[in-house]
Structure formats: structure tokens, C-alpha cells
Amino acid sequence: TAFQPDKTSMEEFHVDESVTVSASTMTRTGLYHHLNDKVNRCVVVKLSLSERSYMLLVLPHEGVTINEVESKLLTNLMTRWHQNLQEGLLELSLPKFSMTSVNDLRDLLTNMNPELEAMLLG
């Protein structure tokens, strides 16, 4: 979802326990799949990006650093999170951010049919 000026305001964003910055923040109330993981001490929210893609937002509980949560991130934990998400009404506030990705197609296509690879990559 693009940032909408009428739903955006400048809010405090806690970078870590000691650093706070002012950030353009959008708030939306709606139905989201989410989970309060008491064992790993974080809240997980699934944010749909399109019909086929989504991202998991992970917010450490108060007093827990993001590094502590990151150190536990394994595929099986993320799978368990995804399986246990429950839909519910949330007020979600996010600072404005952007994501980019660069991929080397030669690395991604190493197991491709050699004829197709030659045609695509030359």
C-alpha cells in the first residue's frame, strides 16, 4: 500500500532502546493475520504485498532487542509463525520505508535447461 498523505503523520520511531527519530508514519486499522509469540517474545504481523507475496513484520516485546529475535530466526520458526497466525482487528502504524532487491540472473538460473539458459543469457 502506498503512503496516503491524509493517513500519514510525523511520529516517534524507536530505532532501539536509546535512539528515537521522527518518521513519516501511516496508521491503518484493519484485519491482519498476527501472532503474539510469548516464547520468542515478539509480535508477528503478516502484511500482504500482492496476491502471491507478503512480508512478516516482527516487533520485539518491550525490553527485547531485535538482535535477540533475529538470532532465533530459522525457517522452522517462520513456518510455525505462519501456521499459527490468527486474523483479527489491529491498528497498525508503520514508518515510511522502501525495499529494493538486485538479483544476478546467472546465479538464479544455474540449474536451468542449458538451451533455455543460452537463449536468455547469450
Protein backbone atom coordinates (compact mmCIF):
# COMPACT_ATOMS: atom_id res chain seq x y z
CA THR A 1 0.00 0.00 0.00
CA ALA A 2 1.38 3.38 -0.95
CA PHE A 3 1.60 6.01 1.74
CA GLN A 4 -1.50 8.18 1.66
CA PRO A 5 -0.89 11.78 2.80
CA ASP A 6 -4.24 12.04 4.64
CA LYS A 7 -3.39 8.95 6.74
CA THR A 8 0.21 9.97 7.42
CA SER A 9 1.70 11.95 10.29
CA MET A 10 5.10 12.54 11.84
CA GLU A 11 5.53 10.18 14.80
CA GLU A 12 8.34 8.98 17.05
CA PHE A 13 10.01 5.78 15.84
CA HIS A 14 12.17 3.81 18.26
CA VAL A 15 15.24 2.62 16.36
CA ASP A 16 16.40 0.83 19.51
CA GLU A 17 16.07 1.32 23.27
CA SER A 18 18.11 4.53 23.25
CA VAL A 19 17.50 6.10 19.82
CA THR A 20 14.23 7.70 18.74
CA VAL A 21 13.70 9.54 15.46
CA SER A 22 10.79 11.39 13.91
CA ALA A 23 9.41 9.47 10.94
CA SER A 24 6.56 9.83 8.47
CA THR A 25 4.15 7.18 9.74
CA MET A 26 0.95 5.75 8.29
CA THR A 27 -1.67 4.24 10.58
CA ARG A 28 -4.41 1.89 9.37
CA THR A 29 -6.95 -0.15 11.29
CA GLY A 30 -8.00 -3.38 9.61
CA LEU A 31 -7.98 -7.15 9.62
CA TYR A 32 -4.49 -8.63 9.75
CA HIS A 33 -3.14 -12.09 10.45
CA HIS A 34 -0.98 -11.79 13.56
CA LEU A 35 0.56 -13.73 16.42
CA ASN A 36 1.89 -12.86 19.87
CA ASP A 37 4.85 -15.25 20.27
CA LYS A 38 5.37 -15.34 24.04
CA VAL A 39 8.23 -17.86 23.80
CA ASN A 40 10.33 -15.76 21.41
CA ARG A 41 8.98 -12.54 22.94
CA CYS A 42 7.74 -10.79 19.82
CA VAL A 43 4.62 -9.94 17.85
CA VAL A 44 4.39 -11.10 14.22
CA VAL A 45 2.08 -9.47 11.66
CA LYS A 46 1.56 -10.74 8.10
CA LEU A 47 1.35 -7.83 5.67
CA SER A 48 0.12 -8.76 2.19
CA LEU A 49 2.01 -7.11 -0.64
CA SER A 50 0.10 -8.74 -3.51
CA GLU A 51 -1.96 -11.87 -4.15
CA ARG A 52 1.19 -14.00 -4.09
CA SER A 53 3.57 -12.18 -1.79
CA TYR A 54 3.67 -10.95 1.76
CA MET A 55 6.10 -9.96 4.45
CA LEU A 56 6.20 -10.81 8.11
CA LEU A 57 6.71 -7.81 10.38
CA VAL A 58 8.39 -8.76 13.65
CA LEU A 59 8.17 -6.44 16.65
CA PRO A 60 10.14 -7.47 19.73
CA HIS A 61 8.35 -7.22 23.07
CA GLU A 62 9.38 -4.31 25.27
CA GLY A 63 12.85 -4.91 26.73
CA VAL A 64 13.83 -7.37 23.97
CA THR A 65 16.28 -6.29 21.26
CA ILE A 66 15.79 -7.02 17.59
CA ASN A 67 19.14 -8.87 17.69
CA GLU A 68 17.72 -11.32 20.24
CA VAL A 69 14.77 -12.08 17.97
CA GLU A 70 16.95 -12.24 14.82
CA SER A 71 19.25 -14.79 16.45
CA LYS A 72 16.30 -17.21 16.66
CA LEU A 73 15.11 -16.76 13.07
CA LEU A 74 15.16 -20.12 11.37
CA THR A 75 12.97 -21.48 8.61
CA ASN A 76 11.08 -23.76 11.01
CA LEU A 77 10.28 -20.83 13.33
CA MET A 78 8.93 -18.75 10.45
CA THR A 79 6.89 -21.73 9.25
CA ARG A 80 5.46 -22.17 12.75
CA TRP A 81 4.60 -18.48 12.90
CA HIS A 82 2.84 -18.66 9.56
CA GLN A 83 0.84 -21.74 10.61
CA ASN A 84 -0.31 -20.09 13.86
CA LEU A 85 -1.30 -16.64 12.61
CA GLN A 86 -4.82 -15.61 13.62
CA GLU A 87 -6.88 -12.98 11.82
CA GLY A 88 -8.00 -10.07 13.95
CA LEU A 89 -8.56 -6.34 14.03
CA LEU A 90 -5.34 -4.36 14.54
CA GLU A 91 -4.31 -0.74 14.44
CA LEU A 92 -1.04 -0.90 12.54
CA SER A 93 1.37 2.05 12.40
CA LEU A 94 4.39 1.81 10.11
CA PRO A 95 7.12 4.31 9.34
CA LYS A 96 7.63 5.04 5.67
CA PHE A 97 10.19 2.65 4.21
CA SER A 98 11.27 1.25 0.88
CA MET A 99 12.61 -2.12 -0.24
CA THR A 100 14.80 -2.91 -3.20
CA SER A 101 16.34 -6.08 -4.46
CA VAL A 102 19.03 -6.84 -7.01
CA ASN A 103 19.41 -10.35 -8.35
CA ASP A 104 22.10 -11.82 -10.56
CA LEU A 105 20.17 -13.98 -13.01
CA ARG A 106 23.22 -16.12 -13.71
CA ASP A 107 23.19 -17.24 -10.07
CA LEU A 108 19.43 -17.77 -10.04
CA LEU A 109 19.35 -19.74 -13.28
CA THR A 110 22.33 -22.07 -12.76
CA ASN A 111 20.13 -25.17 -12.81
CA MET A 112 18.13 -24.11 -15.84
CA ASN A 113 17.88 -26.11 -19.04
CA PRO A 114 21.15 -25.27 -20.90
CA GLU A 115 19.35 -24.43 -24.16
CA LEU A 116 17.00 -22.02 -22.40
CA GLU A 117 19.89 -20.51 -20.44
CA ALA A 118 21.83 -19.88 -23.67
CA MET A 119 18.80 -18.26 -25.25
CA LEU A 120 18.17 -15.97 -22.25
CA LEU A 121 21.74 -15.17 -21.22
CA GLY A 122 23.57 -15.42 -24.51
